[in-house]
């Protein structure tokens, strides 16, 4: 199957979301929120960015205004490797800003 056929099967906005998230990840890495991952590949240190970069005020605002209830109720699962296989581990909804 060619790439165009695969892209047509994706929900509307999927390609745009992928492009946006790629730009966000690049910007975070370029601005000091990266860390060495597997085989020293740079990855975003999301926990540090959430806790130190965004901080307590951001999390409180998100909760108070209820602007992303799905993200708070069902956060993305954490991808982990078991051997060469990527599996997802379920994350619990955040209860509070972590210090």
PDB file of N, CA and C in Angstrom:
ATOM      1  N   UNK A   1       0.849  -1.181   0.000  1.00  0.00           N
ATOM      2  CA  UNK A   1       0.000   0.000   0.000  1.00  0.00           C
ATOM      3  C   UNK A   1       0.897   1.248   0.000  1.00  0.00           C
ATOM      4  N   UNK A   2       0.546   2.229  -0.792  1.00  0.00           N
ATOM      5  CA  UNK A   2       1.384   3.417  -0.858  1.00  0.00           C
ATOM      6  C   UNK A   2       1.020   4.401   0.269  1.00  0.00           C
ATOM      7  N   UNK A   3       1.882   5.366   0.486  1.00  0.00           N
ATOM      8  CA  UNK A   3       1.730   6.335   1.573  1.00  0.00           C
ATOM      9  C   UNK A   3       0.430   7.109   1.443  1.00  0.00           C
ATOM     10  N   UNK A   4       0.074   7.513   0.247  1.00  0.00           N
ATOM     11  CA  UNK A   4      -1.143   8.308   0.053  1.00  0.00           C
ATOM     12  C   UNK A   4      -2.389   7.518   0.453  1.00  0.00           C
ATOM     13  N   UNK A   5      -2.408   6.243   0.161  1.00  0.00           N
ATOM     14  CA  UNK A   5      -3.544   5.413   0.554  1.00  0.00           C
ATOM     15  C   UNK A   5      -3.633   5.297   2.069  1.00  0.00           C
ATOM     16  N   UNK A   6      -2.479   5.185   2.715  1.00  0.00           N
ATOM     17  CA  UNK A   6      -2.469   5.125   4.179  1.00  0.00           C
ATOM     18  C   UNK A   6      -2.943   6.440   4.787  1.00  0.00           C
ATOM     19  N   UNK A   7      -2.488   7.556   4.249  1.00  0.00           N
ATOM     20  CA  UNK A   7      -2.880   8.864   4.764  1.00  0.00           C
ATOM     21  C   UNK A   7      -4.378   9.105   4.641  1.00  0.00           C
ATOM     22  N   UNK A   8      -4.984   8.592   3.586  1.00  0.00           N
ATOM     23  CA  UNK A   8      -6.425   8.765   3.389  1.00  0.00           C
ATOM     24  C   UNK A   8      -7.250   8.049   4.451  1.00  0.00           C
ATOM     25  N   UNK A   9      -6.663   7.053   5.106  1.00  0.00           N
ATOM     26  CA  UNK A   9      -7.379   6.299   6.139  1.00  0.00           C
ATOM     27  C   UNK A   9      -7.352   6.998   7.502  1.00  0.00           C
ATOM     28  N   UNK A  10      -6.495   8.000   7.660  1.00  0.00           N
ATOM     29  CA  UNK A  10      -6.368   8.696   8.943  1.00  0.00           C
ATOM     30  C   UNK A  10      -7.534   9.650   9.160  1.00  0.00           C
ATOM     31  N   UNK A  11      -7.901   9.879  10.421  1.00  0.00           N
ATOM     32  CA  UNK A  11      -8.948  10.871  10.715  1.00  0.00           C
ATOM     33  C   UNK A  11      -8.523  12.261  10.247  1.00  0.00           C
ATOM     34  N   UNK A  12      -9.492  13.099   9.963  1.00  0.00           N
ATOM     35  CA  UNK A  12      -9.218  14.472   9.535  1.00  0.00           C
ATOM     36  C   UNK A  12      -8.340  15.177  10.568  1.00  0.00           C
ATOM     37  N   UNK A  13      -7.361  15.901  10.096  1.00  0.00           N
ATOM     38  CA  UNK A  13      -6.487  16.664  10.981  1.00  0.00           C
ATOM     39  C   UNK A  13      -5.304  15.890  11.530  1.00  0.00           C
ATOM     40  N   UNK A  14      -5.200  14.604  11.237  1.00  0.00           N
ATOM     41  CA  UNK A  14      -4.112  13.774  11.779  1.00  0.00           C
ATOM     42  C   UNK A  14      -2.740  14.250  11.327  1.00  0.00           C
ATOM     43  N   UNK A  15      -2.607  14.543  10.061  1.00  0.00           N
ATOM     44  CA  UNK A  15      -1.312  14.966   9.528  1.00  0.00           C
ATOM     45  C   UNK A  15      -0.926  16.314  10.126  1.00  0.00           C
ATOM     46  N   UNK A  16      -1.888  17.224  10.230  1.00  0.00           N
ATOM     47  CA  UNK A  16      -1.621  18.538  10.819  1.00  0.00           C
ATOM     48  C   UNK A  16      -1.213  18.412  12.281  1.00  0.00           C
ATOM     49  N   UNK A  17      -1.881  17.531  13.026  1.00  0.00           N
ATOM     50  CA  UNK A  17      -1.527  17.311  14.432  1.00  0.00           C
ATOM     51  C   UNK A  17      -0.116  16.747  14.551  1.00  0.00           C
ATOM     52  N   UNK A  18       0.225  15.796  13.702  1.00  0.00           N
ATOM     53  CA  UNK A  18       1.564  15.223  13.713  1.00  0.00           C
ATOM     54  C   UNK A  18       2.611  16.297  13.438  1.00  0.00           C
ATOM     55  N   UNK A  19       2.351  17.141  12.432  1.00  0.00           N
ATOM     56  CA  UNK A  19       3.292  18.207  12.089  1.00  0.00           C
ATOM     57  C   UNK A  19       3.434  19.191  13.247  1.00  0.00           C
ATOM     58  N   UNK A  20       2.333  19.558  13.875  1.00  0.00           N
ATOM     59  CA  UNK A  20       2.373  20.487  15.004  1.00  0.00           C
ATOM     60  C   UNK A  20       3.165  19.898  16.168  1.00  0.00           C
ATOM     61  N   UNK A  21       2.891  18.643  16.513  1.00  0.00           N
ATOM     62  CA  UNK A  21       3.596  18.024  17.640  1.00  0.00           C
ATOM     63  C   UNK A  21       5.087  17.861  17.338  1.00  0.00           C
ATOM     64  N   UNK A  22       5.430  17.601  16.098  1.00  0.00           N
ATOM     65  CA  UNK A  22       6.848  17.518  15.725  1.00  0.00           C
ATOM     66  C   UNK A  22       7.533  18.852  15.966  1.00  0.00           C
ATOM     67  N   UNK A  23       6.876  19.938  15.607  1.00  0.00           N
ATOM     68  CA  UNK A  23       7.438  21.277  15.815  1.00  0.00           C
ATOM     69  C   UNK A  23       7.552  21.602  17.305  1.00  0.00           C
ATOM     70  N   UNK A  24       6.524  21.216  18.078  1.00  0.00           N
ATOM     71  CA  UNK A  24       6.552  21.454  19.528  1.00  0.00           C
ATOM     72  C   UNK A  24       7.712  20.688  20.149  1.00  0.00           C
ATOM     73  N   UNK A  25       7.862  19.418  19.821  1.00  0.00           N
ATOM     74  CA  UNK A  25       8.956  18.621  20.382  1.00  0.00           C
ATOM     75  C   UNK A  25      10.317  19.198  20.002  1.00  0.00           C
ATOM     76  N   UNK A  26      10.479  19.614  18.763  1.00  0.00           N
ATOM     77  CA  UNK A  26      11.739  20.208  18.332  1.00  0.00           C
ATOM     78  C   UNK A  26      12.034  21.473  19.144  1.00  0.00           C
ATOM     79  N   UNK A  27      11.034  22.337  19.289  1.00  0.00           N
ATOM     80  CA  UNK A  27      11.222  23.586  20.031  1.00  0.00           C
ATOM     81  C   UNK A  27      11.567  23.320  21.492  1.00  0.00           C
ATOM     82  N   UNK A  28      10.922  22.347  22.103  1.00  0.00           N
ATOM     83  CA  UNK A  28      11.222  22.027  23.509  1.00  0.00           C
ATOM     84  C   UNK A  28      12.652  21.516  23.654  1.00  0.00           C
ATOM     85  N   UNK A  29      13.075  20.648  22.763  1.00  0.00           N
ATOM     86  CA  UNK A  29      14.446  20.129  22.811  1.00  0.00           C
ATOM     87  C   UNK A  29      15.455  21.244  22.612  1.00  0.00           C
ATOM     88  N   UNK A  30      15.186  22.141  21.672  1.00  0.00           N
ATOM     89  CA  UNK A  30      16.096  23.249  21.385  1.00  0.00           C
ATOM     90  C   UNK A  30      16.182  24.235  22.547  1.00  0.00           C
ATOM     91  N   UNK A  31      15.173  24.252  23.399  1.00  0.00           N
ATOM     92  CA  UNK A  31      15.130  25.213  24.498  1.00  0.00           C
ATOM     93  C   UNK A  31      15.408  24.580  25.856  1.00  0.00           C
ATOM     94  N   UNK A  32      16.124  23.461  25.846  1.00  0.00           N
ATOM     95  CA  UNK A  32      16.624  22.889  27.087  1.00  0.00           C
ATOM     96  C   UNK A  32      15.757  21.861  27.773  1.00  0.00           C
ATOM     97  N   UNK A  33      14.677  21.434  27.156  1.00  0.00           N
ATOM     98  CA  UNK A  33      13.807  20.438  27.791  1.00  0.00           C
ATOM     99  C   UNK A  33      14.025  19.036  27.237  1.00  0.00           C
ATOM    100  N   UNK A  34      15.211  18.762  26.724  1.00  0.00           N
ATOM    101  CA  UNK A  34      15.531  17.449  26.194  1.00  0.00           C
ATOM    102  C   UNK A  34      16.385  16.648  27.165  1.00  0.00           C
ATOM    103  N   UNK A  35      16.449  15.372  26.915  1.00  0.00           N
ATOM    104  CA  UNK A  35      17.327  14.481  27.678  1.00  0.00           C
ATOM    105  C   UNK A  35      17.728  13.335  26.767  1.00  0.00           C
ATOM    106  N   UNK A  36      18.772  12.649  27.157  1.00  0.00           N
ATOM    107  CA  UNK A  36      19.224  11.499  26.377  1.00  0.00           C
ATOM    108  C   UNK A  36      18.282  10.328  26.626  1.00  0.00           C
ATOM    109  N   UNK A  37      17.792   9.763  25.552  1.00  0.00           N
ATOM    110  CA  UNK A  37      16.922   8.600  25.650  1.00  0.00           C
ATOM    111  C   UNK A  37      17.659   7.355  25.209  1.00  0.00           C
ATOM    112  N   UNK A  38      16.937   6.451  24.630  1.00  0.00           N
ATOM    113  CA  UNK A  38      17.498   5.197  24.150  1.00  0.00           C
ATOM    114  C   UNK A  38      18.560   5.478  23.097  1.00  0.00           C
ATOM    115  N   UNK A  39      19.690   4.838  23.225  1.00  0.00           N
ATOM    116  CA  UNK A  39      20.831   5.028  22.318  1.00  0.00           C
ATOM    117  C   UNK A  39      21.240   6.495  22.211  1.00  0.00           C
ATOM    118  N   UNK A  40      21.052   7.227  23.295  1.00  0.00           N
ATOM    119  CA  UNK A  40      21.389   8.655  23.385  1.00  0.00           C
ATOM    120  C   UNK A  40      20.602   9.545  22.433  1.00  0.00           C
ATOM    121  N   UNK A  41      19.516   9.054  21.886  1.00  0.00           N
ATOM    122  CA  UNK A  41      18.650   9.903  21.057  1.00  0.00           C
ATOM    123  C   UNK A  41      17.981  10.928  21.969  1.00  0.00           C
ATOM    124  N   UNK A  42      17.871  12.153  21.497  1.00  0.00           N
ATOM    125  CA  UNK A  42      17.267  13.206  22.313  1.00  0.00           C
ATOM    126  C   UNK A  42      15.744  13.038  22.321  1.00  0.00           C
ATOM    127  N   UNK A  43      15.178  13.121  23.510  1.00  0.00           N
ATOM    128  CA  UNK A  43      13.723  13.085  23.652  1.00  0.00           C
ATOM    129  C   UNK A  43      13.314  14.205  24.607  1.00  0.00           C
ATOM    130  N   UNK A  44      12.077  14.612  24.530  1.00  0.00           N
ATOM    131  CA  UNK A  44      11.590  15.653  25.431  1.00  0.00           C
ATOM    132  C   UNK A  44      11.431  15.056  26.825  1.00  0.00           C
ATOM    133  N   UNK A  45      11.887  15.791  27.825  1.00  0.00           N
ATOM    134  CA  UNK A  45      11.699  15.389  29.217  1.00  0.00           C
ATOM    135  C   UNK A  45      10.380  16.015  29.673  1.00  0.00           C
ATOM    136  N   UNK A  46       9.288  15.312  29.353  1.00  0.00           N
ATOM    137  CA  UNK A  46       7.952  15.854  29.564  1.00  0.00           C
ATOM    138  C   UNK A  46       7.659  16.164  31.027  1.00  0.00           C
ATOM    139  N   UNK A  47       8.093  15.307  31.948  1.00  0.00           N
ATOM    140  CA  UNK A  47       7.817  15.555  33.362  1.00  0.00           C
ATOM    141  C   UNK A  47       8.472  16.840  33.840  1.00  0.00           C
ATOM    142  N   UNK A  48       9.730  17.047  33.457  1.00  0.00           N
ATOM    143  CA  UNK A  48      10.413  18.283  33.843  1.00  0.00           C
ATOM    144  C   UNK A  48       9.734  19.495  33.222  1.00  0.00           C
ATOM    145  N   UNK A  49       9.358  19.380  31.962  1.00  0.00           N
ATOM    146  CA  UNK A  49       8.703  20.507  31.312  1.00  0.00           C
ATOM    147  C   UNK A  49       7.366  20.831  31.989  1.00  0.00           C
ATOM    148  N   UNK A  50       6.594  19.805  32.283  1.00  0.00           N
ATOM    149  CA  UNK A  50       5.293  20.028  32.925  1.00  0.00           C
ATOM    150  C   UNK A  50       5.456  20.642  34.305  1.00  0.00           C
ATOM    151  N   UNK A  51       6.386  20.128  35.085  1.00  0.00           N
ATOM    152  CA  UNK A  51       6.531  20.577  36.466  1.00  0.00           C
ATOM    153  C   UNK A  51       7.343  21.855  36.623  1.00  0.00           C
ATOM    154  N   UNK A  52       8.395  21.997  35.829  1.00  0.00           N
ATOM    155  CA  UNK A  52       9.265  23.165  35.969  1.00  0.00           C
ATOM    156  C   UNK A  52       8.955  24.244  34.933  1.00  0.00           C
ATOM    157  N   UNK A  53       8.677  23.820  33.703  1.00  0.00           N
ATOM    158  CA  UNK A  53       8.434  24.787  32.643  1.00  0.00           C
ATOM    159  C   UNK A  53       7.049  25.414  32.730  1.00  0.00           C
ATOM    160  N   UNK A  54       6.032  24.571  32.821  1.00  0.00           N
ATOM    161  CA  UNK A  54       4.669  25.084  32.902  1.00  0.00           C
ATOM    162  C   UNK A  54       4.309  25.475  34.330  1.00  0.00           C
ATOM    163  N   UNK A  55       4.644  24.619  35.273  1.00  0.00           N
ATOM    164  CA  UNK A  55       4.465  24.939  36.682  1.00  0.00           C
ATOM    165  C   UNK A  55       3.061  24.802  37.233  1.00  0.00           C
ATOM    166  N   UNK A  56       2.960  25.092  38.512  1.00  0.00           N
ATOM    167  CA  UNK A  56       1.726  24.934  39.290  1.00  0.00           C
ATOM    168  C   UNK A  56       0.578  25.772  38.725  1.00  0.00           C
ATOM    169  N   UNK A  57       0.851  26.991  38.317  1.00  0.00           N
ATOM    170  CA  UNK A  57      -0.200  27.873  37.818  1.00  0.00           C
ATOM    171  C   UNK A  57      -0.899  27.328  36.591  1.00  0.00           C
ATOM    172  N   UNK A  58      -0.138  26.742  35.695  1.00  0.00           N
ATOM    173  CA  UNK A  58      -0.720  26.185  34.478  1.00  0.00           C
ATOM    174  C   UNK A  58      -1.666  25.037  34.803  1.00  0.00           C
ATOM    175  N   UNK A  59      -1.209  24.107  35.637  1.00  0.00           N
ATOM    176  CA  UNK A  59      -2.031  22.947  35.987  1.00  0.00           C
ATOM    177  C   UNK A  59      -3.308  23.405  36.702  1.00  0.00           C
ATOM    178  N   UNK A  60      -3.191  24.349  37.607  1.00  0.00           N
ATOM    179  CA  UNK A  60      -4.363  24.877  38.322  1.00  0.00           C
ATOM    180  C   UNK A  60      -5.349  25.518  37.351  1.00  0.00           C
ATOM    181  N   UNK A  61      -4.825  26.271  36.388  1.00  0.00           N
ATOM    182  CA  UNK A  61      -5.671  26.921  35.384  1.00  0.00           C
ATOM    183  C   UNK A  61      -6.419  25.879  34.547  1.00  0.00           C
ATOM    184  N   UNK A  62      -5.724  24.842  34.118  1.00  0.00           N
ATOM    185  CA  UNK A  62      -6.344  23.791  33.308  1.00  0.00           C
ATOM    186  C   UNK A  62      -7.464  23.114  34.090  1.00  0.00           C
ATOM    187  N   UNK A  63      -7.216  22.820  35.351  1.00  0.00           N
ATOM    188  CA  UNK A  63      -8.246  22.189  36.176  1.00  0.00           C
ATOM    189  C   UNK A  63      -9.432  23.117  36.411  1.00  0.00           C
ATOM    190  N   UNK A  64      -9.136  24.357  36.782  1.00  0.00           N
ATOM    191  CA  UNK A  64     -10.182  25.327  37.142  1.00  0.00           C
ATOM    192  C   UNK A  64     -11.078  25.641  35.940  1.00  0.00           C
ATOM    193  N   UNK A  65     -10.491  25.826  34.774  1.00  0.00           N
ATOM    194  CA  UNK A  65     -11.270  26.205  33.592  1.00  0.00           C
ATOM    195  C   UNK A  65     -11.843  25.008  32.834  1.00  0.00           C
ATOM    196  N   UNK A  66     -11.404  23.812  33.196  1.00  0.00           N
ATOM    197  CA  UNK A  66     -11.898  22.576  32.566  1.00  0.00           C
ATOM    198  C   UNK A  66     -11.724  22.615  31.045  1.00  0.00           C
ATOM    199  N   UNK A  67     -10.573  23.120  30.603  1.00  0.00           N
ATOM    200  CA  UNK A  67     -10.353  23.274  29.161  1.00  0.00           C
ATOM    201  C   UNK A  67      -9.930  21.983  28.459  1.00  0.00           C
ATOM    202  N   UNK A  68      -9.508  20.990  29.207  1.00  0.00           N
ATOM    203  CA  UNK A  68      -9.173  19.715  28.553  1.00  0.00           C
ATOM    204  C   UNK A  68      -9.526  18.549  29.488  1.00  0.00           C
ATOM    205  N   UNK A  69     -10.822  18.327  29.702  1.00  0.00           N
ATOM    206  CA  UNK A  69     -11.252  17.279  30.637  1.00  0.00           C
ATOM    207  C   UNK A  69     -10.815  15.874  30.230  1.00  0.00           C
ATOM    208  N   UNK A  70     -10.779  15.593  28.939  1.00  0.00           N
ATOM    209  CA  UNK A  70     -10.369  14.254  28.495  1.00  0.00           C
ATOM    210  C   UNK A  70      -8.915  13.994  28.841  1.00  0.00           C
ATOM    211  N   UNK A  71      -8.071  14.973  28.625  1.00  0.00           N
ATOM    212  CA  UNK A  71      -6.653  14.811  28.924  1.00  0.00           C
ATOM    213  C   UNK A  71      -6.419  14.596  30.411  1.00  0.00           C
ATOM    214  N   UNK A  72      -7.180  15.283  31.246  1.00  0.00           N
ATOM    215  CA  UNK A  72      -7.039  15.099  32.692  1.00  0.00           C
ATOM    216  C   UNK A  72      -7.638  13.780  33.165  1.00  0.00           C
ATOM    217  N   UNK A  73      -8.759  13.389  32.588  1.00  0.00           N
ATOM    218  CA  UNK A  73      -9.430  12.159  33.024  1.00  0.00           C
ATOM    219  C   UNK A  73      -8.756  10.901  32.486  1.00  0.00           C
ATOM    220  N   UNK A  74      -8.265  10.977  31.244  1.00  0.00           N
ATOM    221  CA  UNK A  74      -7.646   9.815  30.606  1.00  0.00           C
ATOM    222  C   UNK A  74      -6.369  10.250  29.897  1.00  0.00           C
ATOM    223  N   UNK A  75      -5.304  10.509  30.657  1.00  0.00           N
ATOM    224  CA  UNK A  75      -4.057  10.954  30.018  1.00  0.00           C
ATOM    225  C   UNK A  75      -3.485   9.866  29.117  1.00  0.00           C
ATOM    226  N   UNK A  76      -2.645  10.270  28.157  1.00  0.00           N
ATOM    227  CA  UNK A  76      -2.042   9.274  27.274  1.00  0.00           C
ATOM    228  C   UNK A  76      -1.249   8.244  28.068  1.00  0.00           C
ATOM    229  N   UNK A  77      -1.267   7.025  27.586  1.00  0.00           N
ATOM    230  CA  UNK A  77      -0.488   5.994  28.265  1.00  0.00           C
ATOM    231  C   UNK A  77       0.991   6.216  27.988  1.00  0.00           C
ATOM    232  N   UNK A  78       1.794   5.779  28.902  1.00  0.00           N
ATOM    233  CA  UNK A  78       3.240   5.884  28.780  1.00  0.00           C
ATOM    234  C   UNK A  78       3.733   4.729  27.924  1.00  0.00           C
ATOM    235  N   UNK A  79       4.481   5.032  26.880  1.00  0.00           N
ATOM    236  CA  UNK A  79       5.030   3.972  26.047  1.00  0.00           C
ATOM    237  C   UNK A  79       6.335   3.495  26.649  1.00  0.00           C
ATOM    238  N   UNK A  80       6.455   2.203  26.822  1.00  0.00           N
ATOM    239  CA  UNK A  80       7.668   1.596  27.343  1.00  0.00           C
ATOM    240  C   UNK A  80       8.072   0.455  26.418  1.00  0.00           C
ATOM    241  N   UNK A  81       9.341   0.117  26.453  1.00  0.00           N
ATOM    242  CA  UNK A  81       9.832  -0.994  25.649  1.00  0.00           C
ATOM    243  C   UNK A  81      10.034  -2.216  26.521  1.00  0.00           C
ATOM    244  N   UNK A  82       9.573  -3.328  26.036  1.00  0.00           N
ATOM    245  CA  UNK A  82       9.841  -4.614  26.660  1.00  0.00           C
ATOM    246  C   UNK A  82      10.526  -5.436  25.580  1.00  0.00           C
ATOM    247  N   UNK A  83      11.849  -5.464  25.664  1.00  0.00           N
ATOM    248  CA  UNK A  83      12.613  -6.061  24.571  1.00  0.00           C
ATOM    249  C   UNK A  83      12.555  -5.103  23.395  1.00  0.00           C
ATOM    250  N   UNK A  84      12.089  -5.568  22.269  1.00  0.00           N
ATOM    251  CA  UNK A  84      11.966  -4.718  21.089  1.00  0.00           C
ATOM    252  C   UNK A  84      10.524  -4.308  20.836  1.00  0.00           C
ATOM    253  N   UNK A  85       9.626  -4.645  21.769  1.00  0.00           N
ATOM    254  CA  UNK A  85       8.203  -4.393  21.570  1.00  0.00           C
ATOM    255  C   UNK A  85       7.758  -3.208  22.411  1.00  0.00           C
ATOM    256  N   UNK A  86       7.100  -2.253  21.772  1.00  0.00           N
ATOM    257  CA  UNK A  86       6.561  -1.091  22.476  1.00  0.00           C
ATOM    258  C   UNK A  86       5.194  -1.451  23.024  1.00  0.00           C
ATOM    259  N   UNK A  87       5.012  -1.222  24.308  1.00  0.00           N
ATOM    260  CA  UNK A  87       3.712  -1.458  24.936  1.00  0.00           C
ATOM    261  C   UNK A  87       3.305  -0.192  25.661  1.00  0.00           C
ATOM    262  N   UNK A  88       2.045  -0.034  25.915  1.00  0.00           N
ATOM    263  CA  UNK A  88       1.568   1.120  26.660  1.00  0.00           C
ATOM    264  C   UNK A  88       1.260   0.741  28.092  1.00  0.00           C
ATOM    265  N   UNK A  89       1.642   1.606  29.007  1.00  0.00           N
ATOM    266  CA  UNK A  89       1.258   1.444  30.402  1.00  0.00           C
ATOM    267  C   UNK A  89       0.270   2.547  30.721  1.00  0.00           C
ATOM    268  N   UNK A  90      -0.821   2.199  31.341  1.00  0.00           N
ATOM    269  CA  UNK A  90      -1.855   3.173  31.650  1.00  0.00           C
ATOM    270  C   UNK A  90      -1.360   4.133  32.720  1.00  0.00           C
ATOM    271  N   UNK A  91      -1.610   5.410  32.507  1.00  0.00           N
ATOM    272  CA  UNK A  91      -1.294   6.432  33.502  1.00  0.00           C
ATOM    273  C   UNK A  91      -2.568   6.824  34.224  1.00  0.00           C
ATOM    274  N   UNK A  92      -2.447   7.059  35.497  1.00  0.00           N
ATOM    275  CA  UNK A  92      -3.584   7.550  36.272  1.00  0.00           C
ATOM    276  C   UNK A  92      -3.756   9.046  36.025  1.00  0.00           C
ATOM    277  N   UNK A  93      -4.997   9.531  36.127  1.00  0.00           N
ATOM    278  CA  UNK A  93      -5.197  10.972  35.982  1.00  0.00           C
ATOM    279  C   UNK A  93      -4.382  11.738  37.021  1.00  0.00           C
ATOM    280  N   UNK A  94      -3.845  12.899  36.656  1.00  0.00           N
ATOM    281  CA  UNK A  94      -3.080  13.679  37.626  1.00  0.00           C
ATOM    282  C   UNK A  94      -3.965  14.188  38.743  1.00  0.00           C
ATOM    283  N   UNK A  95      -3.471  14.126  39.956  1.00  0.00           N
ATOM    284  CA  UNK A  95      -4.224  14.613  41.100  1.00  0.00           C
ATOM    285  C   UNK A  95      -3.808  16.008  41.478  1.00  0.00           C
ATOM    286  N   UNK A  96      -2.543  16.318  41.314  1.00  0.00           N
ATOM    287  CA  UNK A  96      -2.036  17.629  41.697  1.00  0.00           C
ATOM    288  C   UNK A  96      -0.689  17.855  41.057  1.00  0.00           C
ATOM    289  N   UNK A  97      -0.260  19.079  41.140  1.00  0.00           N
ATOM    290  CA  UNK A  97       1.066  19.452  40.687  1.00  0.00           C
ATOM    291  C   UNK A  97       2.088  18.718  41.547  1.00  0.00           C
ATOM    292  N   UNK A  98       3.063  18.112  40.919  1.00  0.00           N
ATOM    293  CA  UNK A  98       4.084  17.361  41.653  1.00  0.00           C
ATOM    294  C   UNK A  98       5.231  18.278  42.009  1.00  0.00           C
ATOM    295  N   UNK A  99       5.661  18.235  43.225  1.00  0.00           N
ATOM    296  CA  UNK A  99       6.787  19.072  43.641  1.00  0.00           C
ATOM    297  C   UNK A  99       8.053  18.271  43.700  1.00  0.00           C
TER     298      UNK A  99
END
